[in-house]
PDB file of N, CA and C in Angstrom:
ATOM      1  N   UNK A   1     157.168 -23.535  72.656  1.00  0.00           N
ATOM      2  CA  UNK A   1     158.331 -24.277  71.644  1.00  0.00           C
ATOM      3  C   UNK A   1     158.593 -26.144  71.471  1.00  0.00           C
ATOM      4  N   UNK A   2     158.070 -26.521  72.820  1.00  0.00           N
ATOM      5  CA  UNK A   2     157.896 -27.507  73.247  1.00  0.00           C
ATOM      6  C   UNK A   2     157.429 -28.550  72.300  1.00  0.00           C
ATOM      7  N   UNK A   3     155.839 -28.128  71.693  1.00  0.00           N
ATOM      8  CA  UNK A   3     154.906 -28.270  71.035  1.00  0.00           C
ATOM      9  C   UNK A   3     155.904 -28.981  70.197  1.00  0.00           C
ATOM     10  N   UNK A   4     156.248 -27.420  68.708  1.00  0.00           N
ATOM     11  CA  UNK A   4     157.038 -27.506  68.291  1.00  0.00           C
ATOM     12  C   UNK A   4     158.255 -28.049  67.360  1.00  0.00           C
ATOM     13  N   UNK A   5     158.803 -28.384  68.416  1.00  0.00           N
ATOM     14  CA  UNK A   5     159.621 -28.905  68.845  1.00  0.00           C
ATOM     15  C   UNK A   5     159.469 -31.023  68.387  1.00  0.00           C
ATOM     16  N   UNK A   6     158.575 -31.190  69.366  1.00  0.00           N
ATOM     17  CA  UNK A   6     157.686 -32.704  69.163  1.00  0.00           C
ATOM     18  C   UNK A   6     156.748 -32.953  67.661  1.00  0.00           C
ATOM     19  N   UNK A   7     156.622 -32.003  67.258  1.00  0.00           N
ATOM     20  CA  UNK A   7     155.438 -32.020  65.836  1.00  0.00           C
ATOM     21  C   UNK A   7     156.905 -31.854  64.958  1.00  0.00           C
ATOM     22  N   UNK A   8     158.125 -31.239  64.785  1.00  0.00           N
ATOM     23  CA  UNK A   8     158.797 -31.170  63.868  1.00  0.00           C
ATOM     24  C   UNK A   8     159.469 -32.521  63.894  1.00  0.00           C
ATOM     25  N   UNK A   9     159.731 -33.063  64.946  1.00  0.00           N
ATOM     26  CA  UNK A   9     160.888 -34.473  65.341  1.00  0.00           C
ATOM     27  C   UNK A   9     159.738 -35.470  65.242  1.00  0.00           C
ATOM     28  N   UNK A  10     158.622 -34.718  65.268  1.00  0.00           N
ATOM     29  CA  UNK A  10     157.949 -36.808  64.233  1.00  0.00           C
ATOM     30  C   UNK A  10     157.876 -36.396  62.434  1.00  0.00           C
ATOM     31  N   UNK A  11     157.917 -35.309  62.469  1.00  0.00           N
ATOM     32  CA  UNK A  11     157.823 -35.297  61.323  1.00  0.00           C
ATOM     33  C   UNK A  11     158.963 -35.594  60.235  1.00  0.00           C
ATOM     34  N   UNK A  12     159.677 -35.519  60.632  1.00  0.00           N
ATOM     35  CA  UNK A  12     161.371 -35.992  60.713  1.00  0.00           C
ATOM     36  C   UNK A  12     161.424 -37.426  60.172  1.00  0.00           C
ATOM     37  N   UNK A  13     160.720 -38.102  61.861  1.00  0.00           N
ATOM     38  CA  UNK A  13     160.846 -39.515  61.965  1.00  0.00           C
ATOM     39  C   UNK A  13     160.159 -40.575  60.582  1.00  0.00           C
ATOM     40  N   UNK A  14     159.007 -39.959  60.459  1.00  0.00           N
ATOM     41  CA  UNK A  14     158.166 -40.093  59.301  1.00  0.00           C
ATOM     42  C   UNK A  14     158.686 -39.934  58.217  1.00  0.00           C
ATOM     43  N   UNK A  15     159.007 -39.230  57.826  1.00  0.00           N
ATOM     44  CA  UNK A  15     159.641 -39.176  56.528  1.00  0.00           C
ATOM     45  C   UNK A  15     161.377 -39.950  56.136  1.00  0.00           C
ATOM     46  N   UNK A  16     161.691 -39.895  57.214  1.00  0.00           N
ATOM     47  CA  UNK A  16     162.490 -41.054  57.759  1.00  0.00           C
ATOM     48  C   UNK A  16     163.007 -42.764  57.588  1.00  0.00           C
ATOM     49  N   UNK A  17     161.944 -43.052  58.247  1.00  0.00           N
ATOM     50  CA  UNK A  17     161.145 -44.259  58.218  1.00  0.00           C
ATOM     51  C   UNK A  17     161.451 -45.308  56.704  1.00  0.00           C
ATOM     52  N   UNK A  18     160.719 -45.000  55.297  1.00  0.00           N
ATOM     53  CA  UNK A  18     161.114 -45.998  54.508  1.00  0.00           C
ATOM     54  C   UNK A  18     162.949 -46.182  54.048  1.00  0.00           C
ATOM     55  N   UNK A  19     163.345 -45.331  54.342  1.00  0.00           N
ATOM     56  CA  UNK A  19     165.155 -45.413  53.869  1.00  0.00           C
ATOM     57  C   UNK A  19     165.272 -46.478  55.064  1.00  0.00           C
ATOM     58  N   UNK A  20     165.507 -46.016  56.188  1.00  0.00           N
ATOM     59  CA  UNK A  20     166.122 -46.519  57.181  1.00  0.00           C
ATOM     60  C   UNK A  20     165.483 -47.770  57.325  1.00  0.00           C
ATOM     61  N   UNK A  21     164.051 -47.958  56.780  1.00  0.00           N
ATOM     62  CA  UNK A  21     163.673 -49.694  56.937  1.00  0.00           C
ATOM     63  C   UNK A  21     163.987 -50.089  55.964  1.00  0.00           C
ATOM     64  N   UNK A  22     164.730 -49.990  54.879  1.00  0.00           N
ATOM     65  CA  UNK A  22     164.719 -50.656  53.658  1.00  0.00           C
ATOM     66  C   UNK A  22     166.820 -50.472  54.190  1.00  0.00           C
ATOM     67  N   UNK A  23     167.229 -49.678  54.671  1.00  0.00           N
ATOM     68  CA  UNK A  23     168.777 -49.595  54.998  1.00  0.00           C
ATOM     69  C   UNK A  23     169.031 -50.779  56.152  1.00  0.00           C
ATOM     70  N   UNK A  24     167.932 -50.836  56.869  1.00  0.00           N
ATOM     71  CA  UNK A  24     167.694 -51.906  58.125  1.00  0.00           C
ATOM     72  C   UNK A  24     167.851 -53.199  57.572  1.00  0.00           C
ATOM     73  N   UNK A  25     167.060 -53.536  56.567  1.00  0.00           N
ATOM     74  CA  UNK A  25     166.516 -54.832  55.937  1.00  0.00           C
ATOM     75  C   UNK A  25     167.506 -55.327  54.825  1.00  0.00           C
ATOM     76  N   UNK A  26     168.416 -54.566  54.677  1.00  0.00           N
ATOM     77  CA  UNK A  26     169.290 -54.984  53.497  1.00  0.00           C
ATOM     78  C   UNK A  26     170.824 -55.096  54.353  1.00  0.00           C
ATOM     79  N   UNK A  27     170.373 -54.252  55.753  1.00  0.00           N
ATOM     80  CA  UNK A  27     171.890 -54.680  56.552  1.00  0.00           C
ATOM     81  C   UNK A  27     172.191 -55.952  56.975  1.00  0.00           C
ATOM     82  N   UNK A  28     170.687 -56.796  57.504  1.00  0.00           N
ATOM     83  CA  UNK A  28     170.571 -58.182  57.818  1.00  0.00           C
ATOM     84  C   UNK A  28     170.525 -59.188  57.228  1.00  0.00           C
ATOM     85  N   UNK A  29     170.636 -58.335  55.648  1.00  0.00           N
ATOM     86  CA  UNK A  29     170.793 -59.140  54.128  1.00  0.00           C
ATOM     87  C   UNK A  29     169.398 -59.651  53.460  1.00  0.00           C
ATOM     88  N   UNK A  30     168.347 -59.022  53.151  1.00  0.00           N
ATOM     89  CA  UNK A  30     167.368 -58.939  52.930  1.00  0.00           C
ATOM     90  C   UNK A  30     167.677 -58.157  51.710  1.00  0.00           C
ATOM     91  N   UNK A  31     167.833 -58.625  50.287  1.00  0.00           N
ATOM     92  CA  UNK A  31     167.904 -57.496  49.227  1.00  0.00           C
ATOM     93  C   UNK A  31     166.618 -56.429  49.005  1.00  0.00           C
ATOM     94  N   UNK A  32     166.762 -55.335  48.183  1.00  0.00           N
ATOM     95  CA  UNK A  32     165.386 -54.536  48.365  1.00  0.00           C
ATOM     96  C   UNK A  32     164.572 -55.128  48.180  1.00  0.00           C
ATOM     97  N   UNK A  33     164.794 -55.958  46.309  1.00  0.00           N
ATOM     98  CA  UNK A  33     163.798 -56.018  45.691  1.00  0.00           C
ATOM     99  C   UNK A  33     162.708 -56.988  46.549  1.00  0.00           C
ATOM    100  N   UNK A  34     163.235 -57.697  47.372  1.00  0.00           N
ATOM    101  CA  UNK A  34     162.322 -58.420  48.160  1.00  0.00           C
ATOM    102  C   UNK A  34     161.887 -57.965  49.061  1.00  0.00           C
ATOM    103  N   UNK A  35     162.502 -56.692  49.491  1.00  0.00           N
ATOM    104  CA  UNK A  35     161.265 -55.768  50.452  1.00  0.00           C
ATOM    105  C   UNK A  35     159.725 -55.456  49.673  1.00  0.00           C
ATOM    106  N   UNK A  36     160.422 -54.847  48.509  1.00  0.00           N
ATOM    107  CA  UNK A  36     159.170 -53.987  47.584  1.00  0.00           C
ATOM    108  C   UNK A  36     158.605 -55.112  47.309  1.00  0.00           C
ATOM    109  N   UNK A  37     158.916 -56.107  46.811  1.00  0.00           N
ATOM    110  CA  UNK A  37     157.824 -57.311  46.500  1.00  0.00           C
ATOM    111  C   UNK A  37     157.023 -57.630  47.596  1.00  0.00           C
ATOM    112  N   UNK A  38     157.118 -57.811  48.910  1.00  0.00           N
ATOM    113  CA  UNK A  38     156.757 -58.186  49.801  1.00  0.00           C
ATOM    114  C   UNK A  38     155.492 -56.953  49.986  1.00  0.00           C
ATOM    115  N   UNK A  39     156.160 -55.773  50.151  1.00  0.00           N
ATOM    116  CA  UNK A  39     155.892 -54.364  50.156  1.00  0.00           C
ATOM    117  C   UNK A  39     154.256 -54.217  49.300  1.00  0.00           C
ATOM    118  N   UNK A  40     154.538 -54.476  48.058  1.00  0.00           N
ATOM    119  CA  UNK A  40     153.968 -54.586  46.800  1.00  0.00           C
ATOM    120  C   UNK A  40     152.600 -55.842  47.347  1.00  0.00           C
ATOM    121  N   UNK A  41     153.127 -57.034  47.701  1.00  0.00           N
ATOM    122  CA  UNK A  41     151.837 -57.567  47.758  1.00  0.00           C
ATOM    123  C   UNK A  41     150.847 -57.528  49.497  1.00  0.00           C
ATOM    124  N   UNK A  42     151.393 -57.378  50.263  1.00  0.00           N
ATOM    125  CA  UNK A  42     150.908 -56.487  51.039  1.00  0.00           C
ATOM    126  C   UNK A  42     149.626 -55.180  50.831  1.00  0.00           C
ATOM    127  N   UNK A  43     150.181 -54.574  50.144  1.00  0.00           N
ATOM    128  CA  UNK A  43     149.403 -53.795  49.607  1.00  0.00           C
ATOM    129  C   UNK A  43     148.393 -53.546  48.707  1.00  0.00           C
ATOM    130  N   UNK A  44     148.251 -54.523  47.406  1.00  0.00           N
ATOM    131  CA  UNK A  44     147.389 -55.517  46.541  1.00  0.00           C
ATOM    132  C   UNK A  44     146.630 -56.144  47.125  1.00  0.00           C
ATOM    133  N   UNK A  45     146.837 -56.772  48.637  1.00  0.00           N
ATOM    134  CA  UNK A  45     145.608 -57.495  49.561  1.00  0.00           C
ATOM    135  C   UNK A  45     144.799 -57.148  49.920  1.00  0.00           C
ATOM    136  N   UNK A  46     145.467 -55.777  50.968  1.00  0.00           N
ATOM    137  CA  UNK A  46     144.818 -55.050  51.769  1.00  0.00           C
ATOM    138  C   UNK A  46     143.406 -54.170  50.443  1.00  0.00           C
ATOM    139  N   UNK A  47     144.194 -53.618  49.229  1.00  0.00           N
ATOM    140  CA  UNK A  47     143.492 -52.778  48.471  1.00  0.00           C
ATOM    141  C   UNK A  47     142.209 -53.685  47.771  1.00  0.00           C
ATOM    142  N   UNK A  48     142.515 -54.996  47.953  1.00  0.00           N
ATOM    143  CA  UNK A  48     141.568 -55.907  47.429  1.00  0.00           C
ATOM    144  C   UNK A  48     140.145 -56.009  48.200  1.00  0.00           C
ATOM    145  N   UNK A  49     140.780 -56.580  49.183  1.00  0.00           N
ATOM    146  CA  UNK A  49     139.915 -56.543  50.486  1.00  0.00           C
ATOM    147  C   UNK A  49     139.314 -55.613  50.962  1.00  0.00           C
ATOM    148  N   UNK A  50     140.068 -54.331  50.361  1.00  0.00           N
ATOM    149  CA  UNK A  50     139.230 -52.760  50.707  1.00  0.00           C
ATOM    150  C   UNK A  50     137.931 -52.900  50.019  1.00  0.00           C
ATOM    151  N   UNK A  51     137.844 -53.009  48.519  1.00  0.00           N
ATOM    152  CA  UNK A  51     137.368 -53.243  47.141  1.00  0.00           C
ATOM    153  C   UNK A  51     136.304 -54.275  47.652  1.00  0.00           C
ATOM    154  N   UNK A  52     136.720 -55.570  48.167  1.00  0.00           N
ATOM    155  CA  UNK A  52     135.698 -56.747  48.573  1.00  0.00           C
ATOM    156  C   UNK A  52     134.561 -55.738  49.658  1.00  0.00           C
ATOM    157  N   UNK A  53     134.887 -54.959  50.404  1.00  0.00           N
ATOM    158  CA  UNK A  53     134.461 -54.473  51.270  1.00  0.00           C
ATOM    159  C   UNK A  53     133.426 -53.674  50.847  1.00  0.00           C
ATOM    160  N   UNK A  54     133.939 -52.747  50.251  1.00  0.00           N
ATOM    161  CA  UNK A  54     133.136 -51.753  49.796  1.00  0.00           C
ATOM    162  C   UNK A  54     131.998 -52.128  48.705  1.00  0.00           C
ATOM    163  N   UNK A  55     132.492 -53.346  47.906  1.00  0.00           N
ATOM    164  CA  UNK A  55     131.513 -53.290  47.310  1.00  0.00           C
ATOM    165  C   UNK A  55     129.728 -54.466  48.038  1.00  0.00           C
ATOM    166  N   UNK A  56     130.612 -54.827  48.991  1.00  0.00           N
ATOM    167  CA  UNK A  56     129.542 -55.689  50.192  1.00  0.00           C
ATOM    168  C   UNK A  56     128.727 -54.834  50.236  1.00  0.00           C
ATOM    169  N   UNK A  57     129.032 -53.598  50.764  1.00  0.00           N
ATOM    170  CA  UNK A  57     127.897 -52.836  51.904  1.00  0.00           C
ATOM    171  C   UNK A  57     127.474 -52.315  50.916  1.00  0.00           C
ATOM    172  N   UNK A  58     127.425 -52.140  49.573  1.00  0.00           N
ATOM    173  CA  UNK A  58     126.752 -51.317  48.464  1.00  0.00           C
ATOM    174  C   UNK A  58     125.815 -52.234  48.522  1.00  0.00           C
ATOM    175  N   UNK A  59     126.354 -53.802  48.171  1.00  0.00           N
ATOM    176  CA  UNK A  59     124.598 -54.406  47.629  1.00  0.00           C
ATOM    177  C   UNK A  59     123.970 -55.126  49.164  1.00  0.00           C
ATOM    178  N   UNK A  60     125.017 -55.009  50.180  1.00  0.00           N
ATOM    179  CA  UNK A  60     123.601 -54.866  51.612  1.00  0.00           C
ATOM    180  C   UNK A  60     122.964 -53.626  51.404  1.00  0.00           C
ATOM    181  N   UNK A  61     123.458 -52.105  50.933  1.00  0.00           N
ATOM    182  CA  UNK A  61     122.360 -51.290  51.084  1.00  0.00           C
ATOM    183  C   UNK A  61     121.395 -50.967  50.084  1.00  0.00           C
ATOM    184  N   UNK A  62     121.618 -51.834  49.002  1.00  0.00           N
ATOM    185  CA  UNK A  62     120.869 -52.030  47.687  1.00  0.00           C
ATOM    186  C   UNK A  62     119.741 -52.656  48.478  1.00  0.00           C
ATOM    187  N   UNK A  63     120.352 -54.233  49.149  1.00  0.00           N
ATOM    188  CA  UNK A  63     119.143 -55.262  49.054  1.00  0.00           C
ATOM    189  C   UNK A  63     117.920 -54.379  50.523  1.00  0.00           C
ATOM    190  N   UNK A  64     119.017 -53.720  51.572  1.00  0.00           N
ATOM    191  CA  UNK A  64     118.276 -52.745  52.401  1.00  0.00           C
ATOM    192  C   UNK A  64     117.098 -52.293  51.787  1.00  0.00           C
ATOM    193  N   UNK A  65     117.338 -50.882  50.564  1.00  0.00           N
ATOM    194  CA  UNK A  65     116.999 -50.039  50.160  1.00  0.00           C
ATOM    195  C   UNK A  65     115.252 -50.934  49.632  1.00  0.00           C
ATOM    196  N   UNK A  66     115.413 -52.094  48.883  1.00  0.00           N
ATOM    197  CA  UNK A  66     114.634 -52.809  48.400  1.00  0.00           C
ATOM    198  C   UNK A  66     113.426 -53.707  48.712  1.00  0.00           C
ATOM    199  N   UNK A  67     114.232 -53.947  50.367  1.00  0.00           N
ATOM    200  CA  UNK A  67     113.153 -54.806  51.394  1.00  0.00           C
ATOM    201  C   UNK A  67     112.167 -53.511  51.635  1.00  0.00           C
ATOM    202  N   UNK A  68     112.542 -52.049  51.865  1.00  0.00           N
ATOM    203  CA  UNK A  68     111.253 -51.458  52.550  1.00  0.00           C
ATOM    204  C   UNK A  68     110.175 -50.202  51.374  1.00  0.00           C
TER     205      UNK A  68
END
């Protein structure tokens, strides 16, 4: 039972994190649109970095195959 309680608590905490963080930011004086803007910026940069990494590894693999 103890493990189930921990699992349920963690699941509930994870589900509650986004609304709680928005509410906390709003109470601290940061507007919601600013939070969304920065979150979108971070997400876009991370996706771009992932895409560049993916292309880089594909190009490196092709060069290795040509040398063999």
